[in-house]
């Protein structure tokens, strides 16, 4: 159940960001991807870049969708199939910069991403939901996550 506060954020979110994912000529209406499991505003960067961007991360039943908007409009957007993703928490000192609450997303055909959460609690929620959905979709988890 989405908390009332999150519901309000969601309405504002829908109005501010395009809900269409475009890849070449193909367009996917993001809201048609099924039930949204979890979402929040985070910061991310591509593993080998310095630039950190704010973005909205949305977890659906089978996909992880992210979109980042800068002063000039939409900067980055990606639709990642959960089955192909690998997620791991970055311990303190492992994530570049001052951010401590971070996790790493990688997979085939994906420039690895580092996602920075605003708090430890937010990080734990993302890891919990991502790991659960990746497993449900038939993806594989590293042994370290399965043992926790």
N, C-alpha and C. Protein backbone atom coordinates (compact mmCIF):
# COMPACT_ATOMS: atom_id res chain seq x y z
N UNK A 1 0.84 -1.20 0.00
CA UNK A 1 0.00 0.00 0.00
C UNK A 1 0.88 1.25 0.00
N UNK A 2 0.64 2.16 -0.90
CA UNK A 2 1.42 3.40 -0.96
C UNK A 2 0.88 4.35 0.10
N UNK A 3 1.79 4.88 0.88
CA UNK A 3 1.41 5.82 1.94
C UNK A 3 0.83 7.07 1.29
N UNK A 4 -0.07 7.79 2.01
CA UNK A 4 -0.67 8.99 1.44
C UNK A 4 0.38 10.00 0.97
N UNK A 5 1.45 10.15 1.74
CA UNK A 5 2.50 11.11 1.36
C UNK A 5 3.09 10.71 0.00
N UNK A 6 3.36 9.41 -0.16
CA UNK A 6 3.93 8.95 -1.42
C UNK A 6 2.93 9.11 -2.56
N UNK A 7 1.65 8.94 -2.27
CA UNK A 7 0.62 9.09 -3.29
C UNK A 7 0.63 10.52 -3.83
N UNK A 8 0.75 11.51 -2.95
CA UNK A 8 0.81 12.90 -3.39
C UNK A 8 2.06 13.15 -4.22
N UNK A 9 3.19 12.60 -3.76
CA UNK A 9 4.43 12.76 -4.51
C UNK A 9 4.26 12.15 -5.90
N UNK A 10 3.58 11.02 -5.97
CA UNK A 10 3.39 10.32 -7.22
C UNK A 10 2.60 11.18 -8.20
N UNK A 11 1.53 11.83 -7.72
CA UNK A 11 0.74 12.69 -8.60
C UNK A 11 1.60 13.82 -9.14
N UNK A 12 2.37 14.46 -8.27
CA UNK A 12 3.24 15.55 -8.71
C UNK A 12 4.28 15.02 -9.69
N UNK A 13 4.80 13.85 -9.39
CA UNK A 13 5.80 13.21 -10.23
C UNK A 13 5.25 12.98 -11.63
N UNK A 14 4.03 12.45 -11.70
CA UNK A 14 3.42 12.17 -13.00
C UNK A 14 3.28 13.43 -13.84
N UNK A 15 3.01 14.55 -13.21
CA UNK A 15 2.81 15.79 -13.95
C UNK A 15 4.13 16.37 -14.43
N UNK A 16 5.20 16.15 -13.70
CA UNK A 16 6.46 16.81 -14.02
C UNK A 16 7.30 16.04 -15.01
N UNK A 17 7.16 14.74 -15.08
CA UNK A 17 8.04 13.95 -15.93
C UNK A 17 7.25 13.21 -17.00
N UNK A 18 7.85 13.05 -18.16
CA UNK A 18 7.16 12.29 -19.21
C UNK A 18 7.02 10.84 -18.77
N UNK A 19 5.91 10.22 -19.11
CA UNK A 19 5.72 8.84 -18.71
C UNK A 19 5.83 7.92 -19.92
N UNK A 20 6.62 8.37 -20.89
CA UNK A 20 6.82 7.61 -22.11
C UNK A 20 8.30 7.28 -22.22
N UNK A 21 8.61 6.01 -22.39
CA UNK A 21 9.99 5.62 -22.59
C UNK A 21 10.19 5.43 -24.09
N UNK A 22 11.15 6.13 -24.66
CA UNK A 22 11.42 6.03 -26.10
C UNK A 22 12.76 5.38 -26.33
N UNK A 23 12.76 4.35 -27.15
CA UNK A 23 14.01 3.73 -27.56
C UNK A 23 13.93 3.58 -29.06
N UNK A 24 14.67 4.41 -29.75
CA UNK A 24 14.55 4.44 -31.21
C UNK A 24 13.16 4.90 -31.58
N UNK A 25 12.48 4.12 -32.39
CA UNK A 25 11.11 4.46 -32.78
C UNK A 25 10.08 3.84 -31.86
N UNK A 26 10.52 2.87 -31.05
CA UNK A 26 9.59 2.20 -30.15
C UNK A 26 9.28 3.08 -28.96
N UNK A 27 8.03 3.13 -28.59
CA UNK A 27 7.63 3.89 -27.41
C UNK A 27 6.90 2.96 -26.46
N UNK A 28 7.19 3.08 -25.18
CA UNK A 28 6.52 2.28 -24.16
C UNK A 28 5.92 3.23 -23.15
N UNK A 29 4.64 3.10 -22.88
CA UNK A 29 4.04 3.91 -21.83
C UNK A 29 4.42 3.26 -20.52
N UNK A 30 5.20 3.99 -19.73
CA UNK A 30 5.76 3.42 -18.51
C UNK A 30 4.67 2.92 -17.57
N UNK A 31 3.58 3.63 -17.49
CA UNK A 31 2.51 3.23 -16.57
C UNK A 31 1.86 1.90 -16.97
N UNK A 32 2.14 1.42 -18.19
CA UNK A 32 1.59 0.14 -18.64
C UNK A 32 2.51 -1.04 -18.31
N UNK A 33 3.56 -0.80 -17.56
CA UNK A 33 4.51 -1.87 -17.26
C UNK A 33 4.04 -2.78 -16.12
N UNK A 34 2.86 -2.53 -15.60
CA UNK A 34 2.37 -3.34 -14.50
C UNK A 34 2.40 -2.55 -13.20
N UNK A 35 2.25 -3.28 -12.13
CA UNK A 35 2.18 -2.66 -10.81
C UNK A 35 3.53 -2.05 -10.42
N UNK A 36 3.49 -0.82 -9.91
CA UNK A 36 4.72 -0.21 -9.40
C UNK A 36 4.93 -0.71 -7.97
N UNK A 37 6.09 -1.28 -7.73
CA UNK A 37 6.40 -1.85 -6.42
C UNK A 37 6.95 -0.78 -5.48
N UNK A 38 7.85 0.04 -6.01
CA UNK A 38 8.50 1.04 -5.17
C UNK A 38 9.12 2.11 -6.05
N UNK A 39 9.23 3.33 -5.54
CA UNK A 39 9.92 4.37 -6.28
C UNK A 39 10.39 5.44 -5.31
N UNK A 40 11.39 6.17 -5.71
CA UNK A 40 11.84 7.32 -4.92
C UNK A 40 12.80 8.15 -5.76
N UNK A 41 13.10 9.31 -5.24
CA UNK A 41 14.07 10.18 -5.89
C UNK A 41 15.43 9.84 -5.29
N UNK A 42 16.40 9.59 -6.15
CA UNK A 42 17.75 9.22 -5.72
C UNK A 42 18.74 10.00 -6.58
N UNK A 43 20.01 9.76 -6.37
CA UNK A 43 21.03 10.30 -7.26
C UNK A 43 21.72 9.10 -7.89
N UNK A 44 22.21 9.27 -9.11
CA UNK A 44 22.92 8.16 -9.74
C UNK A 44 24.05 8.71 -10.60
N UNK A 45 24.96 7.81 -10.92
CA UNK A 45 25.99 8.13 -11.89
C UNK A 45 26.37 6.86 -12.61
N UNK A 46 26.86 7.02 -13.81
CA UNK A 46 27.40 5.86 -14.50
C UNK A 46 28.74 5.57 -13.85
N UNK A 47 29.06 4.31 -13.68
CA UNK A 47 30.22 3.89 -12.89
C UNK A 47 31.50 4.63 -13.29
N UNK A 48 31.72 4.83 -14.56
CA UNK A 48 33.00 5.39 -15.01
C UNK A 48 32.94 6.89 -15.27
N UNK A 49 31.89 7.56 -14.79
CA UNK A 49 31.76 9.01 -14.97
C UNK A 49 31.79 9.70 -13.61
N UNK A 50 32.12 10.96 -13.63
CA UNK A 50 32.13 11.74 -12.39
C UNK A 50 30.78 12.39 -12.11
N UNK A 51 30.06 12.73 -13.18
CA UNK A 51 28.82 13.49 -13.06
C UNK A 51 27.73 12.69 -12.33
N UNK A 52 27.18 13.29 -11.26
CA UNK A 52 26.10 12.68 -10.50
C UNK A 52 24.82 13.43 -10.82
N UNK A 53 23.76 12.70 -11.13
CA UNK A 53 22.47 13.30 -11.50
C UNK A 53 21.38 12.87 -10.54
N UNK A 54 20.43 13.77 -10.29
CA UNK A 54 19.23 13.38 -9.55
C UNK A 54 18.34 12.62 -10.51
N UNK A 55 17.64 11.63 -9.99
CA UNK A 55 16.74 10.90 -10.87
C UNK A 55 15.63 10.25 -10.07
N UNK A 56 14.56 9.90 -10.77
CA UNK A 56 13.50 9.10 -10.18
C UNK A 56 13.74 7.66 -10.61
N UNK A 57 13.70 6.77 -9.63
CA UNK A 57 13.89 5.35 -9.87
C UNK A 57 12.55 4.69 -9.56
N UNK A 58 12.04 3.90 -10.50
CA UNK A 58 10.74 3.25 -10.32
C UNK A 58 10.92 1.75 -10.53
N UNK A 59 10.47 0.99 -9.55
CA UNK A 59 10.56 -0.47 -9.64
C UNK A 59 9.19 -1.03 -9.97
N UNK A 60 9.10 -1.68 -11.13
CA UNK A 60 7.88 -2.36 -11.54
C UNK A 60 8.09 -3.86 -11.32
N UNK A 61 7.08 -4.67 -11.63
CA UNK A 61 7.18 -6.10 -11.38
C UNK A 61 8.32 -6.76 -12.15
N UNK A 62 8.58 -6.30 -13.37
CA UNK A 62 9.62 -6.94 -14.19
C UNK A 62 10.69 -5.98 -14.67
N UNK A 63 10.54 -4.69 -14.38
CA UNK A 63 11.48 -3.69 -14.89
C UNK A 63 11.88 -2.68 -13.83
N UNK A 64 13.06 -2.12 -14.02
CA UNK A 64 13.50 -0.97 -13.25
C UNK A 64 13.60 0.18 -14.24
N UNK A 65 12.92 1.28 -13.95
CA UNK A 65 12.88 2.41 -14.87
C UNK A 65 13.51 3.60 -14.17
N UNK A 66 14.38 4.31 -14.87
CA UNK A 66 14.92 5.53 -14.27
C UNK A 66 14.85 6.66 -15.28
N UNK A 67 14.63 7.85 -14.74
CA UNK A 67 14.67 9.02 -15.59
C UNK A 67 15.21 10.19 -14.80
N UNK A 68 16.02 10.95 -15.48
CA UNK A 68 16.70 12.08 -14.87
C UNK A 68 16.42 13.31 -15.73
N UNK A 69 16.05 14.40 -15.07
CA UNK A 69 15.79 15.63 -15.82
C UNK A 69 16.74 16.71 -15.33
N UNK A 70 17.33 17.42 -16.26
CA UNK A 70 18.20 18.54 -15.93
C UNK A 70 17.53 19.83 -16.33
N UNK A 71 18.27 20.93 -16.27
CA UNK A 71 17.70 22.24 -16.64
C UNK A 71 17.20 22.28 -18.08
N UNK A 72 17.77 21.44 -18.94
CA UNK A 72 17.37 21.46 -20.36
C UNK A 72 16.33 20.41 -20.68
N UNK A 73 15.77 19.74 -19.67
CA UNK A 73 14.76 18.71 -19.91
C UNK A 73 15.30 17.34 -19.55
N UNK A 74 14.76 16.32 -20.20
CA UNK A 74 15.13 14.93 -19.90
C UNK A 74 16.59 14.69 -20.25
N UNK A 75 17.36 14.19 -19.28
CA UNK A 75 18.78 13.95 -19.49
C UNK A 75 19.04 12.48 -19.81
N UNK A 76 18.60 11.60 -18.91
CA UNK A 76 18.80 10.16 -19.10
C UNK A 76 17.49 9.45 -18.80
N UNK A 77 17.30 8.33 -19.48
CA UNK A 77 16.20 7.47 -19.12
C UNK A 77 16.59 6.05 -19.52
N UNK A 78 16.15 5.11 -18.71
CA UNK A 78 16.48 3.72 -18.99
C UNK A 78 15.40 2.80 -18.49
N UNK A 79 15.20 1.70 -19.20
CA UNK A 79 14.23 0.69 -18.82
C UNK A 79 15.00 -0.63 -18.77
N UNK A 80 15.20 -1.15 -17.58
CA UNK A 80 16.07 -2.30 -17.38
C UNK A 80 15.26 -3.52 -16.97
N UNK A 81 15.36 -4.64 -17.71
CA UNK A 81 14.67 -5.87 -17.30
C UNK A 81 15.31 -6.43 -16.04
N UNK A 82 14.51 -6.66 -15.02
CA UNK A 82 15.04 -7.12 -13.72
C UNK A 82 15.77 -8.45 -13.84
N UNK A 83 15.28 -9.33 -14.68
CA UNK A 83 15.86 -10.67 -14.80
C UNK A 83 17.35 -10.62 -15.12
N UNK A 84 17.78 -9.55 -15.81
CA UNK A 84 19.17 -9.46 -16.26
C UNK A 84 20.05 -8.64 -15.31
N UNK A 85 19.48 -8.10 -14.23
CA UNK A 85 20.24 -7.19 -13.39
C UNK A 85 20.96 -7.89 -12.25
N UNK A 86 22.10 -7.33 -11.88
CA UNK A 86 22.80 -7.73 -10.67
C UNK A 86 22.89 -6.49 -9.80
N UNK A 87 22.54 -6.64 -8.54
CA UNK A 87 22.54 -5.52 -7.60
C UNK A 87 23.40 -5.88 -6.41
N UNK A 88 24.24 -4.94 -5.99
CA UNK A 88 25.00 -5.19 -4.76
C UNK A 88 25.20 -3.87 -4.02
N UNK A 89 25.16 -3.99 -2.71
CA UNK A 89 25.36 -2.81 -1.88
C UNK A 89 26.84 -2.43 -1.89
N UNK A 90 27.10 -1.13 -1.89
CA UNK A 90 28.48 -0.65 -1.78
C UNK A 90 28.70 -0.23 -0.33
N UNK A 91 29.68 -0.81 0.30
CA UNK A 91 29.98 -0.46 1.69
C UNK A 91 30.58 0.93 1.79
N UNK A 92 30.66 1.45 2.99
CA UNK A 92 31.25 2.77 3.21
C UNK A 92 32.66 2.78 2.63
N UNK A 93 32.99 3.83 1.89
CA UNK A 93 34.31 3.92 1.30
C UNK A 93 34.41 3.29 -0.08
N UNK A 94 33.43 2.46 -0.45
CA UNK A 94 33.45 1.82 -1.77
C UNK A 94 32.84 2.70 -2.84
N UNK A 95 31.92 3.57 -2.42
CA UNK A 95 31.28 4.43 -3.42
C UNK A 95 32.07 5.72 -3.54
N UNK A 96 32.32 6.14 -4.76
CA UNK A 96 33.11 7.36 -4.97
C UNK A 96 32.35 8.58 -4.45
N UNK A 97 33.06 9.54 -3.93
CA UNK A 97 32.42 10.75 -3.41
C UNK A 97 32.06 10.60 -1.95
N UNK A 98 31.24 11.50 -1.48
CA UNK A 98 30.89 11.54 -0.06
C UNK A 98 29.67 10.70 0.27
N UNK A 99 29.04 10.12 -0.72
CA UNK A 99 27.80 9.38 -0.50
C UNK A 99 28.10 8.03 0.15
N UNK A 100 27.39 7.71 1.20
CA UNK A 100 27.63 6.44 1.88
C UNK A 100 26.58 5.38 1.59
N UNK A 101 25.38 5.78 1.29
CA UNK A 101 24.28 4.83 1.11
C UNK A 101 24.10 4.55 -0.38
N UNK A 102 24.86 3.59 -0.90
CA UNK A 102 24.87 3.39 -2.34
C UNK A 102 24.78 1.91 -2.70
N UNK A 103 24.25 1.66 -3.91
CA UNK A 103 24.29 0.31 -4.45
C UNK A 103 24.65 0.38 -5.93
N UNK A 104 25.10 -0.74 -6.43
CA UNK A 104 25.65 -0.87 -7.78
C UNK A 104 24.69 -1.74 -8.58
N UNK A 105 24.35 -1.30 -9.79
CA UNK A 105 23.49 -2.09 -10.68
C UNK A 105 24.30 -2.39 -11.94
N UNK A 106 24.34 -3.67 -12.30
CA UNK A 106 25.02 -4.04 -13.54
C UNK A 106 24.22 -5.15 -14.22
N UNK A 107 24.56 -5.39 -15.46
CA UNK A 107 23.89 -6.42 -16.22
C UNK A 107 24.40 -6.38 -17.65
N UNK A 108 23.98 -7.34 -18.47
CA UNK A 108 24.43 -7.34 -19.87
C UNK A 108 23.89 -6.10 -20.59
N UNK A 109 24.69 -5.57 -21.47
CA UNK A 109 24.32 -4.41 -22.27
C UNK A 109 24.00 -3.18 -21.42
N UNK A 110 24.54 -3.12 -20.22
CA UNK A 110 24.26 -1.99 -19.34
C UNK A 110 25.56 -1.36 -18.87
N UNK A 111 25.68 -0.06 -19.07
CA UNK A 111 26.79 0.68 -18.48
C UNK A 111 26.51 0.69 -16.98
N UNK A 112 27.34 0.07 -16.13
CA UNK A 112 27.00 -0.06 -14.71
C UNK A 112 26.67 1.29 -14.07
N UNK A 113 25.66 1.25 -13.20
CA UNK A 113 25.18 2.44 -12.49
C UNK A 113 25.50 2.35 -11.02
N UNK A 114 25.79 3.48 -10.41
CA UNK A 114 25.89 3.57 -8.96
C UNK A 114 24.73 4.46 -8.52
N UNK A 115 23.89 3.94 -7.62
CA UNK A 115 22.72 4.68 -7.15
C UNK A 115 22.98 5.10 -5.70
N UNK A 116 22.77 6.39 -5.43
CA UNK A 116 22.99 6.94 -4.09
C UNK A 116 21.65 7.25 -3.45
N UNK A 117 21.40 6.64 -2.30
CA UNK A 117 20.15 6.87 -1.57
C UNK A 117 20.38 7.93 -0.50
N UNK A 118 19.33 8.69 -0.14
CA UNK A 118 19.48 9.75 0.86
C UNK A 118 19.72 9.23 2.28
N UNK A 119 19.38 7.95 2.55
CA UNK A 119 19.54 7.43 3.91
C UNK A 119 19.78 5.93 3.89
N UNK A 120 20.24 5.42 5.01
CA UNK A 120 20.44 3.98 5.17
C UNK A 120 19.12 3.23 5.01
N UNK A 121 18.05 3.79 5.59
CA UNK A 121 16.73 3.14 5.52
C UNK A 121 16.27 3.02 4.06
N UNK A 122 16.46 4.08 3.30
CA UNK A 122 16.07 4.07 1.88
C UNK A 122 16.88 3.02 1.11
N UNK A 123 18.16 2.95 1.39
CA UNK A 123 19.03 1.96 0.76
C UNK A 123 18.53 0.55 1.05
N UNK A 124 18.20 0.26 2.30
CA UNK A 124 17.73 -1.08 2.67
C UNK A 124 16.41 -1.42 1.97
N UNK A 125 15.52 -0.43 1.86
CA UNK A 125 14.25 -0.65 1.15
C UNK A 125 14.49 -0.99 -0.31
N UNK A 126 15.37 -0.22 -0.96
CA UNK A 126 15.65 -0.50 -2.37
C UNK A 126 16.24 -1.89 -2.55
N UNK A 127 17.22 -2.24 -1.71
CA UNK A 127 17.85 -3.56 -1.84
C UNK A 127 16.84 -4.67 -1.61
N UNK A 128 15.99 -4.50 -0.61
CA UNK A 128 14.97 -5.52 -0.31
C UNK A 128 14.05 -5.72 -1.51
N UNK A 129 13.47 -4.63 -2.01
CA UNK A 129 12.52 -4.73 -3.12
C UNK A 129 13.18 -5.23 -4.40
N UNK A 130 14.37 -4.73 -4.71
CA UNK A 130 15.07 -5.16 -5.91
C UNK A 130 15.41 -6.65 -5.86
N UNK A 131 15.96 -7.09 -4.74
CA UNK A 131 16.35 -8.50 -4.62
C UNK A 131 15.13 -9.41 -4.74
N UNK A 132 14.04 -9.01 -4.10
CA UNK A 132 12.82 -9.82 -4.13
C UNK A 132 12.28 -9.91 -5.56
N UNK A 133 12.19 -8.78 -6.26
CA UNK A 133 11.64 -8.78 -7.62
C UNK A 133 12.57 -9.49 -8.61
N UNK A 134 13.88 -9.35 -8.44
CA UNK A 134 14.82 -10.04 -9.33
C UNK A 134 14.63 -11.55 -9.18
N UNK A 135 14.46 -12.00 -7.94
CA UNK A 135 14.25 -13.42 -7.70
C UNK A 135 12.93 -13.89 -8.31
N UNK A 136 11.87 -13.12 -8.12
CA UNK A 136 10.56 -13.47 -8.68
C UNK A 136 10.63 -13.57 -10.20
N UNK A 137 11.43 -12.70 -10.82
CA UNK A 137 11.56 -12.68 -12.29
C UNK A 137 12.50 -13.77 -12.79
N UNK A 138 13.10 -14.53 -11.91
CA UNK A 138 13.97 -15.61 -12.33
C UNK A 138 15.42 -15.22 -12.50
N UNK A 139 15.77 -14.03 -12.03
CA UNK A 139 17.17 -13.61 -12.10
C UNK A 139 17.98 -14.29 -11.01
N UNK A 140 19.28 -14.11 -11.06
CA UNK A 140 20.13 -14.74 -10.05
C UNK A 140 20.67 -13.69 -9.10
N UNK A 141 20.84 -14.08 -7.87
CA UNK A 141 21.39 -13.19 -6.85
C UNK A 141 22.75 -13.72 -6.39
N UNK A 142 23.66 -12.80 -6.06
CA UNK A 142 24.93 -13.27 -5.51
C UNK A 142 24.71 -13.99 -4.17
N UNK A 143 25.55 -14.94 -3.87
CA UNK A 143 25.40 -15.73 -2.64
C UNK A 143 25.40 -14.85 -1.39
N UNK A 144 26.15 -13.75 -1.42
CA UNK A 144 26.23 -12.89 -0.25
C UNK A 144 24.86 -12.33 0.11
N UNK A 145 24.03 -12.04 -0.89
CA UNK A 145 22.69 -11.50 -0.62
C UNK A 145 21.74 -12.58 -0.15
N UNK A 146 21.91 -13.79 -0.70
CA UNK A 146 21.02 -14.89 -0.33
C UNK A 146 21.23 -15.30 1.13
N UNK A 147 22.42 -15.11 1.64
CA UNK A 147 22.72 -15.57 3.00
C UNK A 147 22.26 -14.59 4.07
N UNK A 148 21.89 -13.38 3.66
CA UNK A 148 21.48 -12.38 4.66
C UNK A 148 20.08 -12.62 5.16
